[in-house]
Amino acid sequence: MTEDVLQRVIAKIEADPHSGQSLLLFALAKTLDMPRGGHMYMLQKLREMTSDTRALAYALMEHMAEGRNTGPEWDAAIARMEKAIRG
């Protein structure tokens, strides 16, 4: 991907942090942030996403599958998402 998925997710969440779509993405990101938690996320939630949000969710899951859901960049992205959601 030419555009970094974390930056796209952050931008979507920061643009409208209290929308249902932002909250769904944030919940997925937080789930992927807990490696010992087994990455439990109800796939049924994908049905609640718009096609654009679902594409971001798939890209975020691919990010995790590549082992890129750890480290300073990931931690900083999660922190920005949390800040936006908490206002």
PDB file of N, CA and C in Angstrom:
ATOM      1  N   MET A   1       0.836  -1.185   0.000  1.00  0.00           N
ATOM      2  CA  MET A   1       0.000   0.000   0.000  1.00  0.00           C
ATOM      3  C   MET A   1       0.873   1.237   0.000  1.00  0.00           C
ATOM      4  N   THR A   2       0.470   2.205  -0.784  1.00  0.00           N
ATOM      5  CA  THR A   2       1.269   3.416  -0.840  1.00  0.00           C
ATOM      6  C   THR A   2       1.004   4.321   0.354  1.00  0.00           C
ATOM      7  N   GLU A   3      -0.209   4.346   0.824  1.00  0.00           N
ATOM      8  CA  GLU A   3      -0.539   5.178   1.979  1.00  0.00           C
ATOM      9  C   GLU A   3      -0.586   4.300   3.223  1.00  0.00           C
ATOM     10  N   ASP A   4       0.031   4.730   4.266  1.00  0.00           N
ATOM     11  CA  ASP A   4       0.119   3.927   5.479  1.00  0.00           C
ATOM     12  C   ASP A   4      -1.252   3.755   6.135  1.00  0.00           C
ATOM     13  N   VAL A   5      -1.607   2.528   6.423  1.00  0.00           N
ATOM     14  CA  VAL A   5      -2.918   2.226   6.987  1.00  0.00           C
ATOM     15  C   VAL A   5      -3.119   2.907   8.338  1.00  0.00           C
ATOM     16  N   LEU A   6      -2.090   2.961   9.153  1.00  0.00           N
ATOM     17  CA  LEU A   6      -2.258   3.607  10.454  1.00  0.00           C
ATOM     18  C   LEU A   6      -2.635   5.069  10.306  1.00  0.00           C
ATOM     19  N   GLN A   7      -2.002   5.753   9.383  1.00  0.00           N
ATOM     20  CA  GLN A   7      -2.321   7.171   9.181  1.00  0.00           C
ATOM     21  C   GLN A   7      -3.732   7.351   8.652  1.00  0.00           C
ATOM     22  N   ARG A   8      -4.185   6.431   7.792  1.00  0.00           N
ATOM     23  CA  ARG A   8      -5.557   6.518   7.271  1.00  0.00           C
ATOM     24  C   ARG A   8      -6.576   6.258   8.377  1.00  0.00           C
ATOM     25  N   VAL A   9      -6.287   5.281   9.246  1.00  0.00           N
ATOM     26  CA  VAL A   9      -7.197   4.987  10.357  1.00  0.00           C
ATOM     27  C   VAL A   9      -7.239   6.167  11.323  1.00  0.00           C
ATOM     28  N   ILE A  10      -6.076   6.706  11.659  1.00  0.00           N
ATOM     29  CA  ILE A  10      -6.021   7.862  12.559  1.00  0.00           C
ATOM     30  C   ILE A  10      -6.810   9.025  11.965  1.00  0.00           C
ATOM     31  N   ALA A  11      -6.611   9.302  10.688  1.00  0.00           N
ATOM     32  CA  ALA A  11      -7.306  10.419  10.042  1.00  0.00           C
ATOM     33  C   ALA A  11      -8.819  10.240  10.107  1.00  0.00           C
ATOM     34  N   LYS A  12      -9.282   9.031   9.864  1.00  0.00           N
ATOM     35  CA  LYS A  12     -10.728   8.778   9.909  1.00  0.00           C
ATOM     36  C   LYS A  12     -11.251   8.980  11.325  1.00  0.00           C
ATOM     37  N   ILE A  13     -10.542   8.467  12.308  1.00  0.00           N
ATOM     38  CA  ILE A  13     -10.989   8.592  13.696  1.00  0.00           C
ATOM     39  C   ILE A  13     -10.930  10.047  14.149  1.00  0.00           C
ATOM     40  N   GLU A  14      -9.848  10.741  13.831  1.00  0.00           N
ATOM     41  CA  GLU A  14      -9.724  12.138  14.254  1.00  0.00           C
ATOM     42  C   GLU A  14     -10.745  13.039  13.567  1.00  0.00           C
ATOM     43  N   ALA A  15     -11.158  12.690  12.357  1.00  0.00           N
ATOM     44  CA  ALA A  15     -12.134  13.501  11.627  1.00  0.00           C
ATOM     45  C   ALA A  15     -13.513  13.468  12.282  1.00  0.00           C
ATOM     46  N   ASP A  16     -13.859  12.349  12.869  1.00  0.00           N
ATOM     47  CA  ASP A  16     -15.178  12.216  13.512  1.00  0.00           C
ATOM     48  C   ASP A  16     -15.072  11.153  14.593  1.00  0.00           C
ATOM     49  N   PRO A  17     -14.446  11.497  15.729  1.00  0.00           N
ATOM     50  CA  PRO A  17     -14.119  10.497  16.739  1.00  0.00           C
ATOM     51  C   PRO A  17     -15.301   9.805  17.413  1.00  0.00           C
ATOM     52  N   HIS A  18     -16.473  10.381  17.311  1.00  0.00           N
ATOM     53  CA  HIS A  18     -17.609   9.762  18.001  1.00  0.00           C
ATOM     54  C   HIS A  18     -18.602   9.089  17.054  1.00  0.00           C
ATOM     55  N   SER A  19     -18.211   8.985  15.784  1.00  0.00           N
ATOM     56  CA  SER A  19     -19.091   8.289  14.840  1.00  0.00           C
ATOM     57  C   SER A  19     -19.008   6.789  15.070  1.00  0.00           C
ATOM     58  N   GLY A  20     -20.023   6.104  14.670  1.00  0.00           N
ATOM     59  CA  GLY A  20     -20.038   4.651  14.802  1.00  0.00           C
ATOM     60  C   GLY A  20     -18.885   3.997  14.053  1.00  0.00           C
ATOM     61  N   GLN A  21     -18.548   4.519  12.868  1.00  0.00           N
ATOM     62  CA  GLN A  21     -17.479   3.945  12.070  1.00  0.00           C
ATOM     63  C   GLN A  21     -16.123   4.106  12.768  1.00  0.00           C
ATOM     64  N   SER A  22     -15.905   5.277  13.360  1.00  0.00           N
ATOM     65  CA  SER A  22     -14.655   5.498  14.099  1.00  0.00           C
ATOM     66  C   SER A  22     -14.554   4.571  15.297  1.00  0.00           C
ATOM     67  N   LEU A  23     -15.650   4.419  15.994  1.00  0.00           N
ATOM     68  CA  LEU A  23     -15.648   3.552  17.173  1.00  0.00           C
ATOM     69  C   LEU A  23     -15.416   2.090  16.799  1.00  0.00           C
ATOM     70  N   LEU A  24     -15.960   1.658  15.673  1.00  0.00           N
ATOM     71  CA  LEU A  24     -15.726   0.287  15.206  1.00  0.00           C
ATOM     72  C   LEU A  24     -14.250   0.072  14.870  1.00  0.00           C
ATOM     73  N   LEU A  25     -13.652   1.034  14.173  1.00  0.00           N
ATOM     74  CA  LEU A  25     -12.230   0.918  13.842  1.00  0.00           C
ATOM     75  C   LEU A  25     -11.360   0.953  15.089  1.00  0.00           C
ATOM     76  N   PHE A  26     -11.703   1.831  16.021  1.00  0.00           N
ATOM     77  CA  PHE A  26     -10.938   1.922  17.260  1.00  0.00           C
ATOM     78  C   PHE A  26     -11.018   0.613  18.038  1.00  0.00           C
ATOM     79  N   ALA A  27     -12.202   0.020  18.099  1.00  0.00           N
ATOM     80  CA  ALA A  27     -12.354  -1.259  18.805  1.00  0.00           C
ATOM     81  C   ALA A  27     -11.493  -2.332  18.157  1.00  0.00           C
ATOM     82  N   LEU A  28     -11.448  -2.350  16.837  1.00  0.00           N
ATOM     83  CA  LEU A  28     -10.603  -3.323  16.142  1.00  0.00           C
ATOM     84  C   LEU A  28      -9.130  -3.065  16.453  1.00  0.00           C
ATOM     85  N   ALA A  29      -8.704  -1.809  16.379  1.00  0.00           N
ATOM     86  CA  ALA A  29      -7.300  -1.480  16.657  1.00  0.00           C
ATOM     87  C   ALA A  29      -6.919  -1.872  18.080  1.00  0.00           C
ATOM     88  N   LYS A  30      -7.792  -1.599  19.036  1.00  0.00           N
ATOM     89  CA  LYS A  30      -7.500  -1.959  20.423  1.00  0.00           C
ATOM     90  C   LYS A  30      -7.441  -3.472  20.597  1.00  0.00           C
ATOM     91  N   THR A  31      -8.279  -4.195  19.866  1.00  0.00           N
ATOM     92  CA  THR A  31      -8.238  -5.656  19.914  1.00  0.00           C
ATOM     93  C   THR A  31      -6.911  -6.163  19.365  1.00  0.00           C
ATOM     94  N   LEU A  32      -6.465  -5.584  18.263  1.00  0.00           N
ATOM     95  CA  LEU A  32      -5.197  -5.989  17.666  1.00  0.00           C
ATOM     96  C   LEU A  32      -4.010  -5.568  18.517  1.00  0.00           C
ATOM     97  N   ASP A  33      -4.237  -4.649  19.436  1.00  0.00           N
ATOM     98  CA  ASP A  33      -3.186  -4.166  20.330  1.00  0.00           C
ATOM     99  C   ASP A  33      -2.940  -5.123  21.499  1.00  0.00           C
ATOM    100  N   MET A  34      -3.804  -6.124  21.665  1.00  0.00           N
ATOM    101  CA  MET A  34      -3.686  -7.074  22.778  1.00  0.00           C
ATOM    102  C   MET A  34      -3.305  -8.451  22.241  1.00  0.00           C
ATOM    103  N   PRO A  35      -2.025  -8.681  21.948  1.00  0.00           N
ATOM    104  CA  PRO A  35      -1.621  -9.949  21.322  1.00  0.00           C
ATOM    105  C   PRO A  35      -1.940 -11.177  22.155  1.00  0.00           C
ATOM    106  N   ARG A  36      -1.893 -11.074  23.443  1.00  0.00           N
ATOM    107  CA  ARG A  36      -2.202 -12.240  24.278  1.00  0.00           C
ATOM    108  C   ARG A  36      -3.704 -12.442  24.442  1.00  0.00           C
ATOM    109  N   GLY A  37      -4.478 -11.501  23.959  1.00  0.00           N
ATOM    110  CA  GLY A  37      -5.925 -11.593  24.054  1.00  0.00           C
ATOM    111  C   GLY A  37      -6.539 -12.429  22.949  1.00  0.00           C
ATOM    112  N   GLY A  38      -5.713 -12.941  22.052  1.00  0.00           N
ATOM    113  CA  GLY A  38      -6.230 -13.797  20.995  1.00  0.00           C
ATOM    114  C   GLY A  38      -6.906 -13.030  19.879  1.00  0.00           C
ATOM    115  N   HIS A  39      -6.788 -11.729  19.877  1.00  0.00           N
ATOM    116  CA  HIS A  39      -7.379 -10.892  18.838  1.00  0.00           C
ATOM    117  C   HIS A  39      -8.866 -11.186  18.659  1.00  0.00           C
ATOM    118  N   MET A  40      -9.571 -11.145  19.772  1.00  0.00           N
ATOM    119  CA  MET A  40     -11.008 -11.417  19.727  1.00  0.00           C
ATOM    120  C   MET A  40     -11.760 -10.174  19.241  1.00  0.00           C
ATOM    121  N   TYR A  41     -12.377 -10.285  18.110  1.00  0.00           N
ATOM    122  CA  TYR A  41     -13.196  -9.214  17.540  1.00  0.00           C
ATOM    123  C   TYR A  41     -14.318  -9.904  16.799  1.00  0.00           C
ATOM    124  N   MET A  42     -15.507  -9.507  17.067  1.00  0.00           N
ATOM    125  CA  MET A  42     -16.642 -10.160  16.422  1.00  0.00           C
ATOM    126  C   MET A  42     -16.667  -9.780  14.943  1.00  0.00           C
ATOM    127  N   LEU A  43     -16.439 -10.744  14.089  1.00  0.00           N
ATOM    128  CA  LEU A  43     -16.427 -10.474  12.657  1.00  0.00           C
ATOM    129  C   LEU A  43     -17.776  -9.951  12.169  1.00  0.00           C
ATOM    130  N   GLN A  44     -18.793 -10.217  12.932  1.00  0.00           N
ATOM    131  CA  GLN A  44     -20.122  -9.708  12.594  1.00  0.00           C
ATOM    132  C   GLN A  44     -20.113  -8.174  12.557  1.00  0.00           C
ATOM    133  N   LYS A  45     -19.206  -7.563  13.311  1.00  0.00           N
ATOM    134  CA  LYS A  45     -19.095  -6.096  13.321  1.00  0.00           C
ATOM    135  C   LYS A  45     -18.739  -5.555  11.940  1.00  0.00           C
ATOM    136  N   LEU A  46     -18.097  -6.375  11.102  1.00  0.00           N
ATOM    137  CA  LEU A  46     -17.761  -5.929   9.755  1.00  0.00           C
ATOM    138  C   LEU A  46     -19.016  -5.539   8.979  1.00  0.00           C
ATOM    139  N   ARG A  47     -20.130  -6.163   9.286  1.00  0.00           N
ATOM    140  CA  ARG A  47     -21.394  -5.840   8.613  1.00  0.00           C
ATOM    141  C   ARG A  47     -21.878  -4.439   8.935  1.00  0.00           C
ATOM    142  N   GLU A  48     -21.472  -3.916  10.081  1.00  0.00           N
ATOM    143  CA  GLU A  48     -21.896  -2.585  10.498  1.00  0.00           C
ATOM    144  C   GLU A  48     -21.055  -1.480   9.867  1.00  0.00           C
ATOM    145  N   MET A  49     -19.969  -1.873   9.221  1.00  0.00           N
ATOM    146  CA  MET A  49     -19.060  -0.901   8.622  1.00  0.00           C
ATOM    147  C   MET A  49     -19.486  -0.562   7.203  1.00  0.00           C
ATOM    148  N   THR A  50     -19.186   0.676   6.811  1.00  0.00           N
ATOM    149  CA  THR A  50     -19.352   1.042   5.410  1.00  0.00           C
ATOM    150  C   THR A  50     -18.252   0.332   4.619  1.00  0.00           C
ATOM    151  N   SER A  51     -18.372   0.303   3.319  1.00  0.00           N
ATOM    152  CA  SER A  51     -17.349  -0.383   2.522  1.00  0.00           C
ATOM    153  C   SER A  51     -15.980   0.286   2.690  1.00  0.00           C
ATOM    154  N   ASP A  52     -15.939   1.615   2.815  1.00  0.00           N
ATOM    155  CA  ASP A  52     -14.660   2.307   3.028  1.00  0.00           C
ATOM    156  C   ASP A  52     -14.041   1.933   4.372  1.00  0.00           C
ATOM    157  N   THR A  53     -14.855   1.897   5.413  1.00  0.00           N
ATOM    158  CA  THR A  53     -14.351   1.538   6.737  1.00  0.00           C
ATOM    159  C   THR A  53     -13.913   0.089   6.766  1.00  0.00           C
ATOM    160  N   ARG A  54     -14.667  -0.779   6.096  1.00  0.00           N
ATOM    161  CA  ARG A  54     -14.319  -2.197   6.042  1.00  0.00           C
ATOM    162  C   ARG A  54     -12.974  -2.391   5.345  1.00  0.00           C
ATOM    163  N   ALA A  55     -12.725  -1.625   4.287  1.00  0.00           N
ATOM    164  CA  ALA A  55     -11.430  -1.704   3.600  1.00  0.00           C
ATOM    165  C   ALA A  55     -10.299  -1.311   4.546  1.00  0.00           C
ATOM    166  N   LEU A  56     -10.523  -0.277   5.357  1.00  0.00           N
ATOM    167  CA  LEU A  56      -9.523   0.104   6.361  1.00  0.00           C
ATOM    168  C   LEU A  56      -9.340  -1.001   7.394  1.00  0.00           C
ATOM    169  N   ALA A  57     -10.437  -1.622   7.795  1.00  0.00           N
ATOM    170  CA  ALA A  57     -10.361  -2.710   8.776  1.00  0.00           C
ATOM    171  C   ALA A  57      -9.549  -3.872   8.223  1.00  0.00           C
ATOM    172  N   TYR A  58      -9.787  -4.230   6.962  1.00  0.00           N
ATOM    173  CA  TYR A  58      -9.020  -5.321   6.353  1.00  0.00           C
ATOM    174  C   TYR A  58      -7.534  -4.962   6.276  1.00  0.00           C
ATOM    175  N   ALA A  59      -7.240  -3.722   5.923  1.00  0.00           N
ATOM    176  CA  ALA A  59      -5.851  -3.281   5.851  1.00  0.00           C
ATOM    177  C   ALA A  59      -5.207  -3.306   7.236  1.00  0.00           C
ATOM    178  N   LEU A  60      -5.976  -2.936   8.255  1.00  0.00           N
ATOM    179  CA  LEU A  60      -5.468  -2.972   9.619  1.00  0.00           C
ATOM    180  C   LEU A  60      -5.192  -4.417  10.057  1.00  0.00           C
ATOM    181  N   MET A  61      -6.072  -5.338   9.676  1.00  0.00           N
ATOM    182  CA  MET A  61      -5.848  -6.749   9.996  1.00  0.00           C
ATOM    183  C   MET A  61      -4.616  -7.285   9.255  1.00  0.00           C
ATOM    184  N   GLU A  62      -4.414  -6.858   8.021  1.00  0.00           N
ATOM    185  CA  GLU A  62      -3.224  -7.256   7.265  1.00  0.00           C
ATOM    186  C   GLU A  62      -1.967  -6.708   7.946  1.00  0.00           C
ATOM    187  N   HIS A  63      -2.063  -5.500   8.442  1.00  0.00           N
ATOM    188  CA  HIS A  63      -0.965  -4.873   9.196  1.00  0.00           C
ATOM    189  C   HIS A  63      -0.572  -5.777  10.370  1.00  0.00           C
ATOM    190  N   MET A  64      -1.569  -6.288  11.083  1.00  0.00           N
ATOM    191  CA  MET A  64      -1.333  -7.197  12.210  1.00  0.00           C
ATOM    192  C   MET A  64      -0.756  -8.522  11.715  1.00  0.00           C
ATOM    193  N   ALA A  65      -1.296  -9.054  10.630  1.00  0.00           N
ATOM    194  CA  ALA A  65      -0.830 -10.343  10.110  1.00  0.00           C
ATOM    195  C   ALA A  65       0.639 -10.283   9.706  1.00  0.00           C
ATOM    196  N   GLU A  66       1.090  -9.103   9.323  1.00  0.00           N
ATOM    197  CA  GLU A  66       2.495  -8.907   8.957  1.00  0.00           C
ATOM    198  C   GLU A  66       3.368  -8.643  10.185  1.00  0.00           C
ATOM    199  N   GLY A  67       2.744  -8.668  11.367  1.00  0.00           N
ATOM    200  CA  GLY A  67       3.499  -8.472  12.596  1.00  0.00           C
ATOM    201  C   GLY A  67       3.859  -7.030  12.891  1.00  0.00           C
ATOM    202  N   ARG A  68       3.113  -6.095  12.305  1.00  0.00           N
ATOM    203  CA  ARG A  68       3.438  -4.685  12.479  1.00  0.00           C
ATOM    204  C   ARG A  68       2.545  -3.987  13.509  1.00  0.00           C
ATOM    205  N   ASN A  69       1.922  -4.762  14.392  1.00  0.00           N
ATOM    206  CA  ASN A  69       1.072  -4.172  15.421  1.00  0.00           C
ATOM    207  C   ASN A  69       1.798  -4.092  16.764  1.00  0.00           C
ATOM    208  N   THR A  70       3.076  -3.816  16.696  1.00  0.00           N
ATOM    209  CA  THR A  70       3.901  -3.584  17.882  1.00  0.00           C
ATOM    210  C   THR A  70       4.927  -2.520  17.542  1.00  0.00           C
ATOM    211  N   GLY A  71       5.520  -1.961  18.566  1.00  0.00           N
ATOM    212  CA  GLY A  71       6.589  -1.007  18.359  1.00  0.00           C
ATOM    213  C   GLY A  71       6.146   0.435  18.484  1.00  0.00           C
ATOM    214  N   PRO A  72       7.085   1.355  18.358  1.00  0.00           N
ATOM    215  CA  PRO A  72       6.807   2.771  18.595  1.00  0.00           C
ATOM    216  C   PRO A  72       5.758   3.377  17.656  1.00  0.00           C
ATOM    217  N   GLU A  73       5.798   3.021  16.366  1.00  0.00           N
ATOM    218  CA  GLU A  73       4.826   3.580  15.420  1.00  0.00           C
ATOM    219  C   GLU A  73       3.406   3.121  15.786  1.00  0.00           C
ATOM    220  N   TRP A  74       3.265   1.840  16.088  1.00  0.00           N
ATOM    221  CA  TRP A  74       1.964   1.295  16.480  1.00  0.00           C
ATOM    222  C   TRP A  74       1.485   1.948  17.772  1.00  0.00           C
ATOM    223  N   ASP A  75       2.360   2.023  18.769  1.00  0.00           N
ATOM    224  CA  ASP A  75       1.985   2.612  20.056  1.00  0.00           C
ATOM    225  C   ASP A  75       1.556   4.067  19.905  1.00  0.00           C
ATOM    226  N   ALA A  76       2.276   4.811  19.076  1.00  0.00           N
ATOM    227  CA  ALA A  76       1.927   6.214  18.845  1.00  0.00           C
ATOM    228  C   ALA A  76       0.576   6.329  18.139  1.00  0.00           C
ATOM    229  N   ALA A  77       0.316   5.438  17.198  1.00  0.00           N
ATOM    230  CA  ALA A  77      -0.970   5.460  16.487  1.00  0.00           C
ATOM    231  C   ALA A  77      -2.121   5.149  17.440  1.00  0.00           C
ATOM    232  N   ILE A  78      -1.952   4.137  18.278  1.00  0.00           N
ATOM    233  CA  ILE A  78      -2.994   3.788  19.250  1.00  0.00           C
ATOM    234  C   ILE A  78      -3.228   4.962  20.196  1.00  0.00           C
ATOM    235  N   ALA A  79      -2.154   5.617  20.631  1.00  0.00           N
ATOM    236  CA  ALA A  79      -2.279   6.759  21.535  1.00  0.00           C
ATOM    237  C   ALA A  79      -3.061   7.889  20.888  1.00  0.00           C
ATOM    238  N   ARG A  80      -2.801   8.162  19.607  1.00  0.00           N
ATOM    239  CA  ARG A  80      -3.555   9.222  18.914  1.00  0.00           C
ATOM    240  C   ARG A  80      -5.020   8.849  18.756  1.00  0.00           C
ATOM    241  N   MET A  81      -5.292   7.578  18.467  1.00  0.00           N
ATOM    242  CA  MET A  81      -6.684   7.139  18.353  1.00  0.00           C
ATOM    243  C   MET A  81      -7.393   7.297  19.685  1.00  0.00           C
ATOM    244  N   GLU A  82      -6.742   6.856  20.763  1.00  0.00           N
ATOM    245  CA  GLU A  82      -7.346   6.967  22.097  1.00  0.00           C
ATOM    246  C   GLU A  82      -7.609   8.421  22.459  1.00  0.00           C
ATOM    247  N   LYS A  83      -6.678   9.291  22.151  1.00  0.00           N
ATOM    248  CA  LYS A  83      -6.849  10.722  22.442  1.00  0.00           C
ATOM    249  C   LYS A  83      -8.063  11.283  21.698  1.00  0.00           C
ATOM    250  N   ALA A  84      -8.193  10.917  20.424  1.00  0.00           N
ATOM    251  CA  ALA A  84      -9.330  11.399  19.631  1.00  0.00           C
ATOM    252  C   ALA A  84     -10.649  10.869  20.181  1.00  0.00           C
ATOM    253  N   ILE A  85     -10.693   9.603  20.499  1.00  0.00           N
ATOM    254  CA  ILE A  85     -11.931   8.991  20.980  1.00  0.00           C
ATOM    255  C   ILE A  85     -12.337   9.580  22.332  1.00  0.00           C
ATOM    256  N   ARG A  86     -11.351   9.786  23.193  1.00  0.00           N
ATOM    257  CA  ARG A  86     -11.644  10.302  24.541  1.00  0.00           C
ATOM    258  C   ARG A  86     -11.887  11.800  24.562  1.00  0.00           C
ATOM    259  N   GLY A  87     -11.489  12.468  23.474  1.00  0.00           N
ATOM    260  CA  GLY A  87     -11.728  13.901  23.360  1.00  0.00           C
ATOM    261  C   GLY A  87     -10.914  14.689  24.318  1.00  0.00           C
TER     262      GLY A  87
END
